[in-house]
């Protein structure tokens, strides 16, 4: 019988949360690492409920994964956040230390970089970003590490355009904005990062060039998107949302458990199986 004092807990929080693959990935990591006393759950928590939930966590809690709309709402509840998280004012990872501290980090940004490097993308001289939401700011932060030239962000409003230019200044990325009506031009960039909700880029599939370069589409369900399918059919390299999800989760598992390296292959396989089951 497991001693309750040895049990460790982690979870993903967000609203909505039922779709999250994080439990699948983290539990696969625990199984592979032999962490039989660890559990990982999901909780539907909105911004109003977040402070009470965090305050009620006991000493058995090791960490939290956060999705929308909590990535900024959690910051005032933490003792400190990493420079990476501060750069985009977004925390997706909270490590709860044994001495009671709450440490915030953002593993989306290094996760994006790792997903690209896994496909051989170490550096590009320019890039295009489709969209201007929270994921787009993380994409800019990732591009700050690998893009040596201009990033063009395709957006739907001047307000969004202004936000992206502000993020560019803050992250020291050369950002130029263009209207969404010209988004087909993005597809000729050396690297295209699609950060928009499901269905938004479907109309762009017909504009994929004959020799596409690299597409990073952050969606994983439904997959492939129409854009990713056409991109792949034409021989372009495609990095998907599952790649990002796995790499950011690998870093979370390592921070929460202290086990390095986390079993990325087992986590990816579990994620692929879970997504396949959803399509049946």
Protein backbone atom coordinates (compact mmCIF):
# COMPACT_ATOMS: atom_id res chain seq x y z
CA UNK A 1 0.00 0.00 0.00
CA UNK A 2 1.36 3.42 -0.99
CA UNK A 3 1.96 5.78 1.88
CA UNK A 4 -0.13 8.90 1.31
CA UNK A 5 2.89 10.99 2.32
CA UNK A 6 4.66 9.73 -0.82
CA UNK A 7 1.89 10.67 -3.22
CA UNK A 8 2.49 13.56 -5.58
CA UNK A 9 -0.12 15.38 -7.63
CA UNK A 10 -0.16 17.59 -10.71
CA UNK A 11 -2.91 18.78 -13.01
CA UNK A 12 -3.85 20.95 -15.96
CA UNK A 13 -6.24 23.85 -15.37
CA UNK A 14 -8.26 25.82 -17.89
CA UNK A 15 -11.70 26.60 -19.23
CA UNK A 16 -12.69 24.65 -21.27
CA UNK A 17 -10.38 21.77 -20.40
CA UNK A 18 -12.08 18.51 -21.46
CA UNK A 19 -10.16 18.47 -24.76
CA UNK A 20 -6.70 18.69 -23.15
CA UNK A 21 -4.18 15.99 -24.00
CA UNK A 22 -1.92 16.98 -21.10
CA UNK A 23 -3.16 14.18 -18.79
CA UNK A 24 -2.37 11.61 -21.50
CA UNK A 25 1.17 12.93 -21.98
CA UNK A 26 2.06 13.40 -18.32
CA UNK A 27 0.64 10.05 -17.25
CA UNK A 28 2.60 8.34 -20.01
CA UNK A 29 5.74 10.00 -18.68
CA UNK A 30 5.00 8.86 -15.11
CA UNK A 31 4.47 5.27 -16.31
CA UNK A 32 7.72 5.28 -18.29
CA UNK A 33 9.65 6.81 -15.38
CA UNK A 34 8.19 4.41 -12.84
CA UNK A 35 6.56 7.19 -10.82
CA UNK A 36 3.76 5.02 -9.46
CA UNK A 37 2.90 7.46 -6.67
CA UNK A 38 2.26 10.34 -9.10
CA UNK A 39 -1.11 11.37 -10.52
CA UNK A 40 -2.11 13.98 -13.08
CA UNK A 41 -5.66 15.28 -13.49
CA UNK A 42 -7.60 18.04 -15.23
CA UNK A 43 -9.80 20.68 -13.62
CA UNK A 44 -12.13 23.15 -15.33
CA UNK A 45 -11.15 26.39 -13.62
CA UNK A 46 -11.88 29.91 -14.79
CA UNK A 47 -10.16 33.14 -13.75
CA UNK A 48 -12.57 33.76 -10.87
CA UNK A 49 -12.02 30.31 -9.36
CA UNK A 50 -8.25 30.21 -9.83
CA UNK A 51 -7.13 32.01 -6.60
CA UNK A 52 -9.24 29.75 -4.38
CA UNK A 53 -8.01 26.62 -6.15
CA UNK A 54 -4.35 27.59 -5.83
CA UNK A 55 -4.71 28.59 -2.17
CA UNK A 56 -6.29 25.23 -1.41
CA UNK A 57 -3.42 23.11 -2.73
CA UNK A 58 -1.81 20.85 -0.16
CA UNK A 59 1.82 19.74 0.21
CA UNK A 60 1.27 16.74 -2.07
CA UNK A 61 1.01 19.05 -5.08
CA UNK A 62 4.08 19.27 -7.31
CA UNK A 63 2.90 21.38 -10.20
CA UNK A 64 0.25 22.80 -12.49
CA UNK A 65 -0.09 23.17 -16.23
CA UNK A 66 -2.14 26.17 -17.33
CA UNK A 67 -4.04 26.83 -20.50
CA UNK A 68 -6.35 29.66 -21.50
CA UNK A 69 -7.63 31.82 -19.92
CA UNK A 70 -5.29 31.38 -16.95
CA UNK A 71 -1.80 32.04 -18.30
CA UNK A 72 -1.81 35.69 -17.21
CA UNK A 73 -4.35 35.43 -14.40
CA UNK A 74 -2.03 33.14 -12.42
CA UNK A 75 0.91 35.55 -12.30
CA UNK A 76 -0.23 37.58 -9.22
CA UNK A 77 -0.58 34.29 -7.31
CA UNK A 78 3.06 33.30 -7.77
CA UNK A 79 6.22 34.01 -5.79
CA UNK A 80 8.32 34.45 -8.92
CA UNK A 81 8.28 33.86 -12.66
CA UNK A 82 11.08 33.09 -15.09
CA UNK A 83 12.48 35.61 -17.55
CA UNK A 84 10.94 33.56 -20.36
CA UNK A 85 7.46 33.84 -18.83
CA UNK A 86 7.96 37.53 -18.07
CA UNK A 87 8.92 38.24 -21.68
CA UNK A 88 5.37 37.41 -22.85
CA UNK A 89 3.52 37.92 -19.57
CA UNK A 90 2.26 34.34 -19.73
CA UNK A 91 2.80 31.34 -17.45
CA UNK A 92 1.85 27.84 -18.55
CA UNK A 93 3.81 25.98 -15.86
CA UNK A 94 3.78 26.32 -12.08
CA UNK A 95 6.20 24.33 -9.96
CA UNK A 96 5.19 23.98 -6.33
CA UNK A 97 8.27 23.52 -4.17
CA UNK A 98 8.41 21.54 -0.95
CA UNK A 99 9.08 24.74 0.99
CA UNK A 100 5.81 26.21 -0.27
CA UNK A 101 6.94 28.49 -3.07
CA UNK A 102 5.08 28.83 -6.37
CA UNK A 103 7.40 29.27 -9.35
CA UNK A 104 6.04 30.21 -12.77
CA UNK A 105 7.57 29.43 -16.15
CA UNK A 106 6.62 29.32 -19.82
CA UNK A 107 7.58 26.10 -21.61
CA UNK A 108 5.63 26.99 -24.77
CA UNK A 109 8.46 29.17 -26.04
CA UNK A 110 11.36 26.69 -25.67
CA UNK A 111 8.88 23.97 -26.73
CA UNK A 112 8.36 25.74 -30.05
CA UNK A 113 12.10 26.09 -30.55
CA UNK A 114 12.67 22.41 -29.72
CA UNK A 115 9.89 21.28 -32.06
CA UNK A 116 11.47 23.21 -34.93
CA UNK A 117 14.96 21.98 -34.15
CA UNK A 118 13.67 18.42 -34.14
CA UNK A 119 12.81 19.00 -37.82
CA UNK A 120 16.18 20.55 -38.56
CA UNK A 121 15.10 24.21 -38.35
CA UNK A 122 17.89 25.87 -36.38
CA UNK A 123 17.76 29.33 -37.96
CA UNK A 124 15.77 31.25 -40.58
CA UNK A 125 16.38 34.65 -42.11
CA UNK A 126 12.69 35.64 -42.10
CA UNK A 127 9.30 34.27 -41.07
CA UNK A 128 5.55 34.88 -41.20
CA UNK A 129 3.04 34.58 -38.37
CA UNK A 130 -0.66 34.02 -39.04
CA UNK A 131 -2.71 35.48 -36.20
CA UNK A 132 -2.14 37.82 -33.28
CA UNK A 133 -3.37 36.16 -30.09
CA UNK A 134 -1.51 34.89 -27.04
CA UNK A 135 0.04 32.03 -29.01
CA UNK A 136 1.31 34.51 -31.58
CA UNK A 137 3.23 36.42 -28.90
CA UNK A 138 4.84 33.15 -27.80
CA UNK A 139 5.68 32.46 -31.44
CA UNK A 140 7.42 35.83 -31.64
CA UNK A 141 9.41 35.00 -28.52
CA UNK A 142 10.46 31.71 -30.10
CA UNK A 143 11.35 33.44 -33.36
CA UNK A 144 13.49 35.89 -31.38
CA UNK A 145 15.77 32.90 -30.76
CA UNK A 146 16.00 31.57 -34.32
CA UNK A 147 15.01 34.29 -36.82
CA UNK A 148 17.71 36.72 -37.90
CA UNK A 149 15.51 39.01 -39.98
CA UNK A 150 11.97 40.32 -40.42
CA UNK A 151 8.80 38.65 -39.17
CA UNK A 152 5.58 39.60 -40.94
CA UNK A 153 2.42 39.14 -38.88
CA UNK A 154 -0.89 38.83 -40.75
CA UNK A 155 -3.77 40.12 -38.65
CA UNK A 156 -7.43 41.15 -38.94
CA UNK A 157 -7.44 44.57 -37.24
CA UNK A 158 -5.22 47.56 -36.62
CA UNK A 159 -5.57 47.01 -32.88
CA UNK A 160 -4.11 43.52 -33.25
CA UNK A 161 -1.42 44.87 -35.56
CA UNK A 162 -0.41 47.44 -32.95
CA UNK A 163 -0.20 44.70 -30.31
CA UNK A 164 2.08 42.58 -32.48
CA UNK A 165 4.36 45.53 -33.19
CA UNK A 166 4.54 46.24 -29.46
CA UNK A 167 5.44 42.62 -28.75
CA UNK A 168 8.09 42.85 -31.45
CA UNK A 169 9.66 45.87 -29.78
CA UNK A 170 9.55 44.21 -26.40
CA UNK A 171 11.05 40.94 -27.68
CA UNK A 172 13.52 42.73 -29.98
CA UNK A 173 12.05 41.13 -33.10
CA UNK A 174 11.72 43.10 -36.34
CA UNK A 175 7.94 42.82 -36.80
CA UNK A 176 6.01 44.19 -39.77
CA UNK A 177 2.26 43.76 -39.90
CA UNK A 178 -0.03 43.13 -42.88
CA UNK A 179 -3.77 42.74 -43.31
CA UNK A 180 -5.26 39.25 -43.21
CA UNK A 181 -6.56 39.76 -46.76
CA UNK A 182 -2.94 39.38 -47.90
CA UNK A 183 -2.28 36.23 -45.85
CA UNK A 184 -1.64 34.12 -48.96
CA UNK A 185 1.65 36.02 -49.28
CA UNK A 186 2.77 34.56 -45.95
CA UNK A 187 2.99 31.10 -47.50
CA UNK A 188 6.17 31.96 -49.38
CA UNK A 189 8.15 32.77 -46.24
CA UNK A 190 10.99 30.41 -45.18
CA UNK A 191 8.96 29.60 -42.05
CA UNK A 192 5.22 30.06 -41.59
CA UNK A 193 3.75 29.86 -38.08
CA UNK A 194 -0.04 29.46 -37.98
CA UNK A 195 -1.44 30.39 -34.56
CA UNK A 196 -5.13 30.82 -35.42
CA UNK A 197 -8.17 28.77 -34.27
CA UNK A 198 -9.44 25.73 -36.17
CA UNK A 199 -10.77 26.53 -39.62
CA UNK A 200 -9.25 29.99 -39.88
CA UNK A 201 -6.52 29.05 -42.37
CA UNK A 202 -8.55 26.53 -44.42
CA UNK A 203 -9.14 29.04 -47.21
CA UNK A 204 -5.37 29.50 -47.58
CA UNK A 205 -4.80 25.87 -48.55
CA UNK A 206 -5.46 26.64 -52.22
CA UNK A 207 -2.65 29.22 -52.16
CA UNK A 208 0.12 26.86 -51.00
CA UNK A 209 3.06 27.27 -53.42
CA UNK A 210 4.39 24.37 -55.48
CA UNK A 211 7.55 24.22 -53.40
CA UNK A 212 6.57 25.14 -49.84
CA UNK A 213 9.19 25.50 -47.13
CA UNK A 214 8.25 24.86 -43.47
CA UNK A 215 4.86 25.25 -41.82
CA UNK A 216 4.40 25.23 -38.04
CA UNK A 217 0.68 24.85 -37.36
CA UNK A 218 0.00 24.94 -33.60
CA UNK A 219 -3.29 23.02 -33.84
CA UNK A 220 -3.45 19.30 -33.06
CA UNK A 221 -7.16 18.54 -33.12
CA UNK A 222 -8.52 18.42 -35.77
CA UNK A 223 -5.41 17.26 -37.58
CA UNK A 224 -4.20 17.68 -40.19
CA UNK A 225 -5.65 21.08 -40.92
CA UNK A 226 -6.52 21.76 -44.55
CA UNK A 227 -3.44 23.99 -44.78
CA UNK A 228 -1.13 21.38 -43.25
CA UNK A 229 -2.52 18.62 -45.48
CA UNK A 230 -1.95 20.62 -48.68
CA UNK A 231 1.47 21.75 -47.44
CA UNK A 232 2.54 18.16 -46.83
CA UNK A 233 1.06 16.96 -50.15
CA UNK A 234 3.29 19.47 -51.94
CA UNK A 235 6.36 18.20 -50.11
CA UNK A 236 6.80 20.93 -47.52
CA UNK A 237 7.94 20.25 -43.96
CA UNK A 238 5.14 20.38 -41.38
CA UNK A 239 5.52 20.81 -37.63
CA UNK A 240 2.23 20.26 -35.82
CA UNK A 241 0.57 21.14 -32.58
CA UNK A 242 1.28 17.72 -31.12
CA UNK A 243 5.00 18.36 -31.63
CA UNK A 244 4.67 21.56 -29.63
CA UNK A 245 2.47 19.93 -26.99
CA UNK A 246 4.96 17.12 -26.44
CA UNK A 247 8.02 19.36 -26.21
CA UNK A 248 6.43 21.82 -23.78
CA UNK A 249 5.11 18.90 -21.69
CA UNK A 250 8.57 17.29 -21.62
CA UNK A 251 9.92 20.43 -19.97
CA UNK A 252 7.00 20.51 -17.53
CA UNK A 253 7.57 16.89 -16.48
CA UNK A 254 11.27 17.56 -15.96
CA UNK A 255 10.59 20.63 -13.81
CA UNK A 256 7.84 19.05 -11.74
CA UNK A 257 9.44 15.63 -11.15
CA UNK A 258 13.14 16.40 -11.36
CA UNK A 259 13.55 13.46 -13.77
CA UNK A 260 15.72 14.40 -16.74
CA UNK A 261 15.31 13.58 -19.54
CA UNK A 262 11.57 13.06 -19.69
CA UNK A 263 10.49 10.25 -22.07
CA UNK A 264 9.49 12.29 -25.12
CA UNK A 265 8.96 9.28 -27.39
CA UNK A 266 6.55 7.57 -24.97
CA UNK A 267 4.68 10.83 -24.49
CA UNK A 268 4.35 11.41 -28.23
CA UNK A 269 3.13 7.86 -28.83
CA UNK A 270 0.50 8.23 -26.12
CA UNK A 271 -0.66 11.49 -27.65
CA UNK A 272 -0.89 9.99 -31.13
CA UNK A 273 -2.95 7.07 -29.84
CA UNK A 274 -5.31 9.40 -27.97
CA UNK A 275 -5.86 11.59 -31.04
CA UNK A 276 -6.45 8.52 -33.22
CA UNK A 277 -9.07 7.29 -30.76
CA UNK A 278 -10.89 10.64 -30.98
CA UNK A 279 -11.16 10.33 -34.77
CA UNK A 280 -12.85 6.92 -34.66
